[in-house]
Amino acid sequence: KTPTNQKISTKSIADFFDLIFLASPNWNNKNEKDASPILKELNHIKYTGISLESIFKSNKKDPQLEAISKLFHRIWYSESTKTSNKISINNFKNSSKGRLLYRLVLILLFYTYESRISQFWARSSAFYGGILSSYTASEIIRASLQNGQQANRNKTNDREYKTFIDKIIGDPAKPKAGWWQVWTNWYSASDVKLNDMLTMIYYNKDNNRFSKDTGQPKLRDQILQQIHDGTYPDKFDNPNKR
């Protein structure tokens, strides 16, 4: 008999997802039948075109965004009081909880882009880098994760939690050359780093410059492999020289 009114532990949830992904083979777009069911679904996301901005302005809730934000918040804070176990950008890949947090963010961003933005004429400003940044999809997701519920403004005062989310998502903007540079230069498929979720997702149909290292031909394949692994490769900044 299934117990009622009992929460499943965050460790059990994380271990379950680790098992689903890590017990399945590496992602191979030529042999999808052996992949985990979640990766197969993610490779065939249906486009709806319904923007997150429109959901906010009509005072509705997005069930996936709300559920993942709550779960992410709950998992991170389940370790937040244990200084040695606190999940950070430096140790997330070493635990099932940390790997699940990485997967949740990458899945949420990728699913949102593919289902809501990928065929939109102003893709970049709808996903990241827009003038009204609080209504770009990536910033709504960032704020929702930070608040543990659907939101478009960050209200948390927990600097460590906020920093972890920012670092996990990565930075699609290149460092500025100096104080005089007022514009922003963005990474593209030709110089993307594998710890930069937003650039990888935006250019997911492009060739993967790390393909000789990872065996994944397109950035889309690389994203699915990193969801499988729950992390990005140790050498994420540039491919190995040959």
C-alpha atoms as a PDB file:
ATOM      1  CA  LYS A   1       0.000   0.000   0.000  1.00  0.00           C
ATOM      2  CA  THR A   2       1.341   3.452  -0.925  1.00  0.00           C
ATOM      3  CA  PRO A   3       1.769   5.716   2.127  1.00  0.00           C
ATOM      4  CA  THR A   4      -0.281   8.897   1.985  1.00  0.00           C
ATOM      5  CA  ASN A   5       0.773  12.421   2.964  1.00  0.00           C
ATOM      6  CA  GLN A   6       4.430  11.395   2.975  1.00  0.00           C
ATOM      7  CA  LYS A   7       7.038  13.312   1.024  1.00  0.00           C
ATOM      8  CA  ILE A   8       9.600  11.289  -0.872  1.00  0.00           C
ATOM      9  CA  SER A   9      13.075  12.281   0.316  1.00  0.00           C
ATOM     10  CA  THR A  10      15.153  14.504  -1.946  1.00  0.00           C
ATOM     11  CA  LYS A  11      17.927  11.882  -1.865  1.00  0.00           C
ATOM     12  CA  SER A  12      15.528   9.209  -3.170  1.00  0.00           C
ATOM     13  CA  ILE A  13      14.356  11.512  -5.973  1.00  0.00           C
ATOM     14  CA  ALA A  14      17.942  12.344  -6.975  1.00  0.00           C
ATOM     15  CA  ASP A  15      19.085   8.709  -6.856  1.00  0.00           C
ATOM     16  CA  PHE A  16      16.097   7.682  -8.994  1.00  0.00           C
ATOM     17  CA  PHE A  17      16.956  10.179 -11.738  1.00  0.00           C
ATOM     18  CA  ASP A  18      20.634   9.214 -11.579  1.00  0.00           C
ATOM     19  CA  LEU A  19      19.607   5.607 -12.161  1.00  0.00           C
ATOM     20  CA  ILE A  20      17.319   6.481 -15.090  1.00  0.00           C
ATOM     21  CA  PHE A  21      20.048   8.400 -16.896  1.00  0.00           C
ATOM     22  CA  LEU A  22      23.315   6.733 -15.918  1.00  0.00           C
ATOM     23  CA  ALA A  23      22.001   3.181 -16.407  1.00  0.00           C
ATOM     24  CA  SER A  24      21.171   4.063 -20.022  1.00  0.00           C
ATOM     25  CA  PRO A  25      23.815   4.361 -22.784  1.00  0.00           C
ATOM     26  CA  ASN A  26      25.375   7.644 -23.842  1.00  0.00           C
ATOM     27  CA  TRP A  27      23.202   9.682 -26.195  1.00  0.00           C
ATOM     28  CA  ASN A  28      23.426   8.555 -29.818  1.00  0.00           C
ATOM     29  CA  ASN A  29      21.149  10.313 -32.309  1.00  0.00           C
ATOM     30  CA  LYS A  30      21.470   7.375 -34.702  1.00  0.00           C
ATOM     31  CA  ASN A  31      20.270   4.872 -32.105  1.00  0.00           C
ATOM     32  CA  GLU A  32      17.543   6.584 -30.082  1.00  0.00           C
ATOM     33  CA  LYS A  33      15.744   3.351 -29.167  1.00  0.00           C
ATOM     34  CA  ASP A  34      18.361   2.537 -26.504  1.00  0.00           C
ATOM     35  CA  ALA A  35      18.349   6.030 -24.962  1.00  0.00           C
ATOM     36  CA  SER A  36      16.522   6.949 -21.772  1.00  0.00           C
ATOM     37  CA  PRO A  37      12.838   7.813 -22.404  1.00  0.00           C
ATOM     38  CA  ILE A  38      13.386  11.365 -21.136  1.00  0.00           C
ATOM     39  CA  LEU A  39      16.156  12.067 -23.658  1.00  0.00           C
ATOM     40  CA  LYS A  40      14.021  10.665 -26.481  1.00  0.00           C
ATOM     41  CA  GLU A  41      11.170  12.989 -25.496  1.00  0.00           C
ATOM     42  CA  LEU A  42      13.523  15.964 -25.284  1.00  0.00           C
ATOM     43  CA  ASN A  43      14.768  15.272 -28.799  1.00  0.00           C
ATOM     44  CA  HIS A  44      11.214  15.608 -30.156  1.00  0.00           C
ATOM     45  CA  ILE A  45       9.691  18.586 -28.349  1.00  0.00           C
ATOM     46  CA  LYS A  46       6.541  19.984 -29.951  1.00  0.00           C
ATOM     47  CA  TYR A  47       6.571  23.726 -30.670  1.00  0.00           C
ATOM     48  CA  THR A  48       3.649  25.656 -29.125  1.00  0.00           C
ATOM     49  CA  GLY A  49       4.849  29.256 -29.352  1.00  0.00           C
ATOM     50  CA  ILE A  50       3.150  30.194 -26.061  1.00  0.00           C
ATOM     51  CA  SER A  51       5.514  32.691 -24.422  1.00  0.00           C
ATOM     52  CA  LEU A  52       6.220  32.784 -20.695  1.00  0.00           C
ATOM     53  CA  GLU A  53       5.633  36.528 -20.837  1.00  0.00           C
ATOM     54  CA  SER A  54       2.030  35.974 -21.965  1.00  0.00           C
ATOM     55  CA  ILE A  55       1.477  33.551 -19.072  1.00  0.00           C
ATOM     56  CA  PHE A  56       2.652  36.185 -16.578  1.00  0.00           C
ATOM     57  CA  LYS A  57       0.559  38.939 -18.090  1.00  0.00           C
ATOM     58  CA  SER A  58      -2.565  36.769 -17.920  1.00  0.00           C
ATOM     59  CA  ASN A  59      -1.791  35.845 -14.268  1.00  0.00           C
ATOM     60  CA  LYS A  60      -1.588  32.128 -15.058  1.00  0.00           C
ATOM     61  CA  LYS A  61       0.814  29.482 -13.785  1.00  0.00           C
ATOM     62  CA  ASP A  62       3.088  27.364 -15.952  1.00  0.00           C
ATOM     63  CA  PRO A  63       2.951  23.906 -14.313  1.00  0.00           C
ATOM     64  CA  GLN A  64       6.436  22.769 -15.414  1.00  0.00           C
ATOM     65  CA  LEU A  65       8.102  26.015 -14.341  1.00  0.00           C
ATOM     66  CA  GLU A  66       6.319  26.010 -10.978  1.00  0.00           C
ATOM     67  CA  ALA A  67       7.006  22.329 -10.221  1.00  0.00           C
ATOM     68  CA  ILE A  68      10.685  22.362 -11.229  1.00  0.00           C
ATOM     69  CA  SER A  69      11.343  25.626  -9.357  1.00  0.00           C
ATOM     70  CA  LYS A  70       9.853  24.172  -6.169  1.00  0.00           C
ATOM     71  CA  LEU A  71      11.766  20.896  -6.509  1.00  0.00           C
ATOM     72  CA  PHE A  72      15.057  22.684  -7.273  1.00  0.00           C
ATOM     73  CA  HIS A  73      14.597  24.958  -4.233  1.00  0.00           C
ATOM     74  CA  ARG A  74      13.750  22.016  -1.982  1.00  0.00           C
ATOM     75  CA  ILE A  75      16.732  19.913  -3.078  1.00  0.00           C
ATOM     76  CA  TRP A  76      19.335  22.682  -2.714  1.00  0.00           C
ATOM     77  CA  TYR A  77      18.058  23.718   0.708  1.00  0.00           C
ATOM     78  CA  SER A  78      18.027  20.109   1.905  1.00  0.00           C
ATOM     79  CA  GLU A  79      21.840  20.432   2.018  1.00  0.00           C
ATOM     80  CA  SER A  80      22.128  24.148   2.810  1.00  0.00           C
ATOM     81  CA  THR A  81      22.658  23.786   6.567  1.00  0.00           C
ATOM     82  CA  LYS A  82      25.514  21.310   6.171  1.00  0.00           C
ATOM     83  CA  THR A  83      28.567  23.375   5.342  1.00  0.00           C
ATOM     84  CA  SER A  84      30.564  20.411   4.048  1.00  0.00           C
ATOM     85  CA  ASN A  85      27.690  19.156   1.868  1.00  0.00           C
ATOM     86  CA  LYS A  86      26.369  22.483   0.595  1.00  0.00           C
ATOM     87  CA  ILE A  87      25.886  22.162  -3.163  1.00  0.00           C
ATOM     88  CA  SER A  88      28.090  24.554  -5.143  1.00  0.00           C
ATOM     89  CA  ILE A  89      29.425  24.934  -8.671  1.00  0.00           C
ATOM     90  CA  ASN A  90      32.624  23.223  -7.489  1.00  0.00           C
ATOM     91  CA  ASN A  91      31.032  20.044  -6.141  1.00  0.00           C
ATOM     92  CA  PHE A  92      27.583  19.578  -7.744  1.00  0.00           C
ATOM     93  CA  LYS A  93      28.820  16.861 -10.112  1.00  0.00           C
ATOM     94  CA  ASN A  94      29.933  14.697  -7.161  1.00  0.00           C
ATOM     95  CA  SER A  95      26.443  13.953  -5.779  1.00  0.00           C
ATOM     96  CA  SER A  96      23.151  12.685  -7.174  1.00  0.00           C
ATOM     97  CA  LYS A  97      21.413  15.789  -5.781  1.00  0.00           C
ATOM     98  CA  GLY A  98      23.859  18.133  -7.494  1.00  0.00           C
ATOM     99  CA  ARG A  99      23.580  16.270 -10.795  1.00  0.00           C
ATOM    100  CA  LEU A 100      19.785  16.428 -10.603  1.00  0.00           C
ATOM    101  CA  LEU A 101      19.887  20.197 -10.023  1.00  0.00           C
ATOM    102  CA  TYR A 102      22.045  20.572 -13.142  1.00  0.00           C
ATOM    103  CA  ARG A 103      19.658  18.384 -15.160  1.00  0.00           C
ATOM    104  CA  LEU A 104      16.573  20.273 -13.964  1.00  0.00           C
ATOM    105  CA  VAL A 105      17.953  23.647 -15.079  1.00  0.00           C
ATOM    106  CA  LEU A 106      19.203  22.404 -18.462  1.00  0.00           C
ATOM    107  CA  ILE A 107      15.959  20.513 -19.166  1.00  0.00           C
ATOM    108  CA  LEU A 108      13.810  23.508 -18.186  1.00  0.00           C
ATOM    109  CA  LEU A 109      15.789  25.944 -20.352  1.00  0.00           C
ATOM    110  CA  PHE A 110      16.000  23.565 -23.325  1.00  0.00           C
ATOM    111  CA  TYR A 111      12.320  22.583 -23.160  1.00  0.00           C
ATOM    112  CA  THR A 112      11.239  26.227 -22.884  1.00  0.00           C
ATOM    113  CA  TYR A 113      13.384  27.279 -25.842  1.00  0.00           C
ATOM    114  CA  GLU A 114      12.306  24.405 -28.090  1.00  0.00           C
ATOM    115  CA  SER A 115       8.587  24.570 -27.262  1.00  0.00           C
ATOM    116  CA  ARG A 116       8.103  28.339 -27.004  1.00  0.00           C
ATOM    117  CA  ILE A 117      10.888  30.235 -28.774  1.00  0.00           C
ATOM    118  CA  SER A 118      12.786  28.189 -31.393  1.00  0.00           C
ATOM    119  CA  GLN A 119      10.568  29.272 -34.320  1.00  0.00           C
ATOM    120  CA  PHE A 120       9.963  32.839 -33.125  1.00  0.00           C
ATOM    121  CA  TRP A 121      11.355  35.611 -35.366  1.00  0.00           C
ATOM    122  CA  ALA A 122      13.020  37.450 -32.442  1.00  0.00           C
ATOM    123  CA  ARG A 123      14.502  34.356 -30.832  1.00  0.00           C
ATOM    124  CA  SER A 124      17.483  35.953 -29.132  1.00  0.00           C
ATOM    125  CA  SER A 125      15.604  38.751 -27.372  1.00  0.00           C
ATOM    126  CA  ALA A 126      12.867  36.323 -26.295  1.00  0.00           C
ATOM    127  CA  PHE A 127      15.396  33.879 -24.807  1.00  0.00           C
ATOM    128  CA  TYR A 128      18.207  36.064 -23.461  1.00  0.00           C
ATOM    129  CA  GLY A 129      19.779  39.449 -24.014  1.00  0.00           C
ATOM    130  CA  GLY A 130      16.534  41.353 -24.473  1.00  0.00           C
ATOM    131  CA  ILE A 131      15.989  44.979 -23.455  1.00  0.00           C
ATOM    132  CA  LEU A 132      13.203  43.986 -21.038  1.00  0.00           C
ATOM    133  CA  SER A 133      15.324  41.252 -19.495  1.00  0.00           C
ATOM    134  CA  SER A 134      12.807  40.428 -16.760  1.00  0.00           C
ATOM    135  CA  TYR A 135      10.543  39.033 -19.486  1.00  0.00           C
ATOM    136  CA  THR A 136      13.120  37.000 -21.407  1.00  0.00           C
ATOM    137  CA  ALA A 137      12.513  33.291 -20.867  1.00  0.00           C
ATOM    138  CA  SER A 138      15.927  32.645 -19.324  1.00  0.00           C
ATOM    139  CA  GLU A 139      15.496  35.445 -16.770  1.00  0.00           C
ATOM    140  CA  ILE A 140      11.993  34.274 -15.828  1.00  0.00           C
ATOM    141  CA  ILE A 141      13.439  30.786 -15.283  1.00  0.00           C
ATOM    142  CA  ARG A 142      16.380  32.199 -13.301  1.00  0.00           C
ATOM    143  CA  ALA A 143      14.062  34.259 -11.061  1.00  0.00           C
ATOM    144  CA  SER A 144      11.669  31.324 -10.592  1.00  0.00           C
ATOM    145  CA  LEU A 145      14.491  29.010  -9.513  1.00  0.00           C
ATOM    146  CA  GLN A 146      15.775  31.677  -7.124  1.00  0.00           C
ATOM    147  CA  ASN A 147      12.332  32.147  -5.560  1.00  0.00           C
ATOM    148  CA  GLY A 148      11.296  28.498  -5.567  1.00  0.00           C
ATOM    149  CA  GLN A 149       8.130  29.388  -7.481  1.00  0.00           C
ATOM    150  CA  GLN A 150       7.091  31.068 -10.729  1.00  0.00           C
ATOM    151  CA  ALA A 151       8.405  34.646 -10.737  1.00  0.00           C
ATOM    152  CA  ASN A 152       9.970  37.267 -12.975  1.00  0.00           C
ATOM    153  CA  ARG A 153      11.861  39.134 -10.249  1.00  0.00           C
ATOM    154  CA  ASN A 154      14.457  37.717  -7.871  1.00  0.00           C
ATOM    155  CA  LYS A 155      13.408  38.166  -4.247  1.00  0.00           C
ATOM    156  CA  THR A 156      15.943  35.940  -2.507  1.00  0.00           C
ATOM    157  CA  ASN A 157      18.614  37.388  -0.226  1.00  0.00           C
ATOM    158  CA  ASP A 158      20.586  34.129  -0.167  1.00  0.00           C
ATOM    159  CA  ARG A 159      23.742  35.025  -2.061  1.00  0.00           C
ATOM    160  CA  GLU A 160      25.146  31.478  -2.146  1.00  0.00           C
ATOM    161  CA  TYR A 161      21.925  30.061  -3.598  1.00  0.00           C
ATOM    162  CA  LYS A 162      21.668  32.827  -6.202  1.00  0.00           C
ATOM    163  CA  THR A 163      25.341  32.425  -7.158  1.00  0.00           C
ATOM    164  CA  PHE A 164      24.928  28.673  -7.626  1.00  0.00           C
ATOM    165  CA  ILE A 165      22.014  29.204 -10.026  1.00  0.00           C
ATOM    166  CA  ASP A 166      23.906  31.864 -11.992  1.00  0.00           C
ATOM    167  CA  LYS A 167      27.006  29.654 -12.267  1.00  0.00           C
ATOM    168  CA  ILE A 168      25.023  26.554 -13.287  1.00  0.00           C
ATOM    169  CA  ILE A 169      23.283  28.470 -16.095  1.00  0.00           C
ATOM    170  CA  GLY A 170      26.577  30.005 -17.270  1.00  0.00           C
ATOM    171  CA  ASP A 171      27.318  33.334 -18.899  1.00  0.00           C
ATOM    172  CA  PRO A 172      26.575  33.868 -22.623  1.00  0.00           C
ATOM    173  CA  ALA A 173      28.175  37.336 -22.594  1.00  0.00           C
ATOM    174  CA  LYS A 174      31.864  37.740 -23.380  1.00  0.00           C
ATOM    175  CA  PRO A 175      34.025  39.711 -20.926  1.00  0.00           C
ATOM    176  CA  LYS A 176      34.208  43.389 -21.849  1.00  0.00           C
ATOM    177  CA  ALA A 177      37.486  44.684 -23.258  1.00  0.00           C
ATOM    178  CA  GLY A 178      37.429  47.689 -20.938  1.00  0.00           C
ATOM    179  CA  TRP A 179      35.301  50.380 -19.306  1.00  0.00           C
ATOM    180  CA  TRP A 180      34.808  52.068 -22.678  1.00  0.00           C
ATOM    181  CA  GLN A 181      32.914  49.117 -24.168  1.00  0.00           C
ATOM    182  CA  VAL A 182      29.206  49.869 -23.779  1.00  0.00           C
ATOM    183  CA  TRP A 183      27.831  47.064 -25.965  1.00  0.00           C
ATOM    184  CA  THR A 184      27.703  43.360 -25.164  1.00  0.00           C
ATOM    185  CA  ASN A 185      29.391  40.698 -27.283  1.00  0.00           C
ATOM    186  CA  TRP A 186      27.799  37.268 -27.085  1.00  0.00           C
ATOM    187  CA  TYR A 187      29.337  33.824 -27.536  1.00  0.00           C
ATOM    188  CA  SER A 188      28.260  31.845 -30.610  1.00  0.00           C
ATOM    189  CA  ALA A 189      28.565  28.245 -31.812  1.00  0.00           C
ATOM    190  CA  SER A 190      32.141  28.922 -32.942  1.00  0.00           C
ATOM    191  CA  ASP A 191      33.425  29.772 -29.452  1.00  0.00           C
ATOM    192  CA  VAL A 192      30.764  28.377 -27.092  1.00  0.00           C
ATOM    193  CA  LYS A 193      31.886  26.828 -23.806  1.00  0.00           C
ATOM    194  CA  LEU A 194      30.186  23.662 -22.573  1.00  0.00           C
ATOM    195  CA  ASN A 195      29.287  25.248 -19.221  1.00  0.00           C
ATOM    196  CA  ASP A 196      27.202  27.935 -20.978  1.00  0.00           C
ATOM    197  CA  MET A 197      23.656  26.555 -21.221  1.00  0.00           C
ATOM    198  CA  LEU A 198      22.095  29.551 -22.970  1.00  0.00           C
ATOM    199  CA  THR A 199      24.496  29.709 -25.927  1.00  0.00           C
ATOM    200  CA  MET A 200      24.437  25.926 -26.386  1.00  0.00           C
ATOM    201  CA  ILE A 201      20.629  25.923 -26.464  1.00  0.00           C
ATOM    202  CA  TYR A 202      20.306  28.932 -28.764  1.00  0.00           C
ATOM    203  CA  TYR A 203      22.717  27.374 -31.289  1.00  0.00           C
ATOM    204  CA  ASN A 204      21.653  23.764 -30.693  1.00  0.00           C
ATOM    205  CA  LYS A 205      21.194  23.035 -34.419  1.00  0.00           C
ATOM    206  CA  ASP A 206      24.801  24.046 -35.142  1.00  0.00           C
ATOM    207  CA  ASN A 207      27.849  21.803 -35.225  1.00  0.00           C
ATOM    208  CA  ASN A 208      29.502  21.029 -31.899  1.00  0.00           C
ATOM    209  CA  ARG A 209      33.076  22.322 -31.890  1.00  0.00           C
ATOM    210  CA  PHE A 210      33.868  19.745 -29.167  1.00  0.00           C
ATOM    211  CA  SER A 211      32.620  16.823 -31.302  1.00  0.00           C
ATOM    212  CA  LYS A 212      36.038  15.140 -31.564  1.00  0.00           C
ATOM    213  CA  ASP A 213      36.315  15.157 -27.766  1.00  0.00           C
ATOM    214  CA  THR A 214      32.759  14.136 -26.894  1.00  0.00           C
ATOM    215  CA  GLY A 215      31.554  12.208 -29.949  1.00  0.00           C
ATOM    216  CA  GLN A 216      28.431  14.376 -30.198  1.00  0.00           C
ATOM    217  CA  PRO A 217      28.089  16.007 -33.659  1.00  0.00           C
ATOM    218  CA  LYS A 218      25.624  18.835 -32.924  1.00  0.00           C
ATOM    219  CA  LEU A 219      25.256  21.101 -29.898  1.00  0.00           C
ATOM    220  CA  ARG A 220      21.793  19.579 -29.496  1.00  0.00           C
ATOM    221  CA  ASP A 221      23.388  16.142 -29.079  1.00  0.00           C
ATOM    222  CA  GLN A 222      25.879  17.613 -26.618  1.00  0.00           C
ATOM    223  CA  ILE A 223      23.023  19.075 -24.540  1.00  0.00           C
ATOM    224  CA  LEU A 224      21.284  15.692 -24.375  1.00  0.00           C
ATOM    225  CA  GLN A 225      24.559  14.014 -23.384  1.00  0.00           C
ATOM    226  CA  GLN A 226      25.106  16.539 -20.587  1.00  0.00           C
ATOM    227  CA  ILE A 227      21.560  15.946 -19.324  1.00  0.00           C
ATOM    228  CA  HIS A 228      22.458  12.225 -19.327  1.00  0.00           C
ATOM    229  CA  ASP A 229      25.667  12.902 -17.363  1.00  0.00           C
ATOM    230  CA  GLY A 230      24.257  15.539 -15.008  1.00  0.00           C
ATOM    231  CA  THR A 231      27.258  17.755 -15.682  1.00  0.00           C
ATOM    232  CA  TYR A 232      29.519  19.190 -18.381  1.00  0.00           C
ATOM    233  CA  PRO A 233      32.968  17.808 -19.305  1.00  0.00           C
ATOM    234  CA  ASP A 234      35.969  18.801 -17.175  1.00  0.00           C
ATOM    235  CA  LYS A 235      37.494  20.459 -20.234  1.00  0.00           C
ATOM    236  CA  PHE A 236      34.621  22.751 -21.159  1.00  0.00           C
ATOM    237  CA  ASP A 237      36.328  25.918 -22.392  1.00  0.00           C
ATOM    238  CA  ASN A 238      38.115  24.754 -25.562  1.00  0.00           C
ATOM    239  CA  PRO A 239      38.464  21.448 -27.461  1.00  0.00           C
ATOM    240  CA  ASN A 240      41.685  19.482 -27.131  1.00  0.00           C
ATOM    241  CA  LYS A 241      44.304  20.495 -29.677  1.00  0.00           C
ATOM    242  CA  ARG A 242      45.120  17.848 -32.260  1.00  0.00           C
END
